[in-house]
Amino acid sequence: MKKLFLTLGLCSALMTTATQAENVDQALVIVNSGSLQTQGMAMVLANAMQAKGTQVDVLLCDQAGDLALKSTRSSELKPRNVTPEQLMGKLQQGGAQVSVCALYLPNSQHTQNDLRAGINVAKPPAIADQMLDSNRRIYSF
């Protein structure tokens, strides 16, 4: 009888762990590449995750921070003829929080007034909390 309870307990624990691994429903997408295709693919994948019910947040660093600027007008990417910033806007409409790295503005000639609507400057402690959250996956491009 002890073996049966031990086996049932172990099976229950394994099922709970497997379910938790499958139910990761939060993602942080960190984009630092200046490559148009890399930025576009990061946004395509982030939108696909969001469409599957994942809460997606985006952190733009280094050259990718330029996507956050009102003045940025990227070339359209085939096959859908959309820009990374259009795809990012779709993410925001779906509830994604988009931020630029805390180092982006102080190390550029831009100010917070140059950022698109709804884009903020990331707070390192908040980003660190997201990175340490076991229910959140981190993707870097």
Protein backbone atom coordinates (compact mmCIF):
# COMPACT_ATOMS: atom_id res chain seq x y z
CA MET A 1 0.00 0.00 0.00
CA LYS A 2 2.90 2.36 0.80
CA LYS A 3 4.33 1.69 -2.66
CA LEU A 4 1.01 2.60 -4.26
CA PHE A 5 0.81 5.95 -2.42
CA LEU A 6 4.47 6.68 -3.14
CA THR A 7 3.95 5.90 -6.83
CA LEU A 8 0.77 7.98 -6.99
CA GLY A 9 2.52 10.86 -5.24
CA LEU A 10 5.47 10.70 -7.61
CA CYS A 11 3.19 10.58 -10.66
CA SER A 12 1.23 13.54 -9.34
CA ALA A 13 4.43 15.55 -8.76
CA LEU A 14 5.71 14.73 -12.26
CA MET A 15 2.39 15.68 -13.85
CA THR A 16 2.35 18.99 -11.95
CA THR A 17 5.92 19.78 -13.06
CA ALA A 18 5.12 18.87 -16.67
CA THR A 19 1.97 21.00 -16.61
CA GLN A 20 3.89 23.95 -15.17
CA ALA A 21 6.53 23.63 -17.88
CA GLU A 22 3.84 23.59 -20.57
CA ASN A 23 1.99 26.54 -19.05
CA VAL A 24 4.73 29.12 -19.26
CA ASP A 25 2.52 31.97 -20.35
CA GLN A 26 4.85 34.95 -20.08
CA ALA A 27 7.75 35.92 -22.31
CA LEU A 28 10.34 38.67 -22.37
CA VAL A 29 11.72 39.31 -25.84
CA ILE A 30 15.01 41.21 -25.79
CA VAL A 31 16.02 42.70 -29.13
CA ASN A 32 19.41 44.35 -29.61
CA SER A 33 20.18 43.59 -33.24
CA GLY A 34 20.20 46.38 -35.78
CA SER A 35 19.39 43.87 -38.53
CA LEU A 36 16.00 44.59 -40.10
CA GLN A 37 15.25 40.90 -40.68
CA THR A 38 16.25 39.94 -37.15
CA GLN A 39 14.07 42.69 -35.69
CA GLY A 40 11.20 41.63 -37.94
CA MET A 41 11.48 37.96 -37.04
CA ALA A 42 11.63 38.79 -33.32
CA MET A 43 8.36 40.71 -33.70
CA VAL A 44 6.75 38.00 -35.86
CA LEU A 45 7.56 35.34 -33.25
CA ALA A 46 6.47 37.57 -30.38
CA ASN A 47 3.13 38.17 -32.13
CA ALA A 48 2.76 34.41 -32.70
CA MET A 49 3.36 33.77 -28.99
CA GLN A 50 0.89 36.49 -28.05
CA ALA A 51 -1.71 34.95 -30.40
CA LYS A 52 -1.32 31.68 -28.46
CA GLY A 53 -2.17 33.46 -25.20
CA THR A 54 1.29 34.37 -23.95
CA GLN A 55 1.79 37.74 -22.24
CA VAL A 56 4.73 39.18 -24.18
CA ASP A 57 6.91 42.10 -23.13
CA VAL A 58 9.66 43.56 -25.31
CA LEU A 59 12.94 45.18 -24.31
CA LEU A 60 14.74 47.14 -27.05
CA CYS A 61 18.45 47.71 -26.54
CA ASP A 62 21.37 49.09 -28.54
CA GLN A 63 20.52 49.55 -32.23
CA ALA A 64 17.11 47.92 -31.81
CA GLY A 65 16.20 50.84 -29.55
CA ASP A 66 15.75 52.87 -32.73
CA LEU A 67 12.49 50.95 -33.33
CA ALA A 68 11.07 52.86 -30.38
CA LEU A 69 11.64 56.22 -32.05
CA LYS A 70 8.75 58.08 -33.69
CA SER A 71 11.11 59.01 -36.53
CA THR A 72 12.07 55.42 -37.45
CA ARG A 73 10.63 54.25 -40.76
CA SER A 74 11.99 50.81 -41.64
CA SER A 75 11.66 49.13 -45.01
CA GLU A 76 8.82 46.67 -45.40
CA LEU A 77 9.67 43.01 -45.10
CA LYS A 78 8.28 40.36 -47.41
CA PRO A 79 6.11 38.35 -47.62
CA ARG A 80 3.58 40.44 -45.64
CA ASN A 81 5.03 43.88 -46.49
CA VAL A 82 5.17 45.04 -42.88
CA THR A 83 7.87 46.79 -40.89
CA PRO A 84 9.24 45.71 -37.53
CA GLU A 85 7.71 48.81 -35.94
CA GLN A 86 4.26 47.92 -37.36
CA LEU A 87 4.60 44.43 -35.89
CA MET A 88 5.69 45.98 -32.59
CA GLY A 89 2.60 48.20 -32.65
CA LYS A 90 0.42 45.12 -33.09
CA LEU A 91 2.10 43.61 -30.01
CA GLN A 92 1.31 46.75 -28.03
CA GLN A 93 -2.33 46.63 -29.15
CA GLY A 94 -2.42 43.08 -27.79
CA GLY A 95 -1.17 44.23 -24.39
CA ALA A 96 2.61 43.96 -24.69
CA GLN A 97 4.71 46.39 -22.72
CA VAL A 98 7.56 47.74 -24.87
CA SER A 99 10.54 49.46 -23.27
CA VAL A 100 13.96 50.71 -24.28
CA CYS A 101 16.96 49.73 -22.20
CA ALA A 102 17.86 52.17 -19.44
CA LEU A 103 21.15 52.90 -21.23
CA TYR A 104 19.59 53.66 -24.62
CA LEU A 105 18.50 57.30 -24.22
CA PRO A 106 21.44 58.54 -22.10
CA ASN A 107 23.84 57.15 -24.72
CA SER A 108 22.04 58.60 -27.73
CA GLN A 109 20.95 62.03 -28.87
CA HIS A 110 17.32 61.18 -28.17
CA THR A 111 14.99 61.97 -25.29
CA GLN A 112 11.87 60.31 -23.93
CA ASN A 113 9.83 62.73 -26.08
CA ASP A 114 11.27 61.00 -29.16
CA LEU A 115 9.75 57.63 -28.20
CA ARG A 116 6.58 56.27 -29.77
CA ALA A 117 3.40 56.34 -27.70
CA GLY A 118 3.28 53.70 -24.99
CA ILE A 119 7.02 52.98 -24.99
CA ASN A 120 8.85 53.58 -21.74
CA VAL A 121 12.37 53.42 -20.39
CA ALA A 122 12.96 50.10 -18.65
CA LYS A 123 13.76 50.02 -14.96
CA PRO A 124 16.61 47.52 -14.37
CA PRO A 125 15.14 46.10 -11.11
CA ALA A 126 11.82 45.38 -12.87
CA ILE A 127 13.57 43.73 -15.83
CA ALA A 128 15.72 41.70 -13.42
CA ASP A 129 12.53 40.51 -11.71
CA GLN A 130 11.14 39.40 -15.07
CA MET A 131 14.38 37.61 -15.94
CA LEU A 132 14.33 35.73 -12.63
CA ASP A 133 10.65 34.78 -12.84
CA SER A 134 10.49 31.00 -13.31
CA ASN A 135 7.16 31.36 -15.16
CA ARG A 136 8.66 33.61 -17.81
CA ARG A 137 10.82 32.64 -20.74
CA ILE A 138 13.50 34.96 -22.09
CA TYR A 139 14.24 35.23 -25.82
CA SER A 140 17.08 37.32 -27.18
CA PHE A 141 17.57 38.54 -30.74
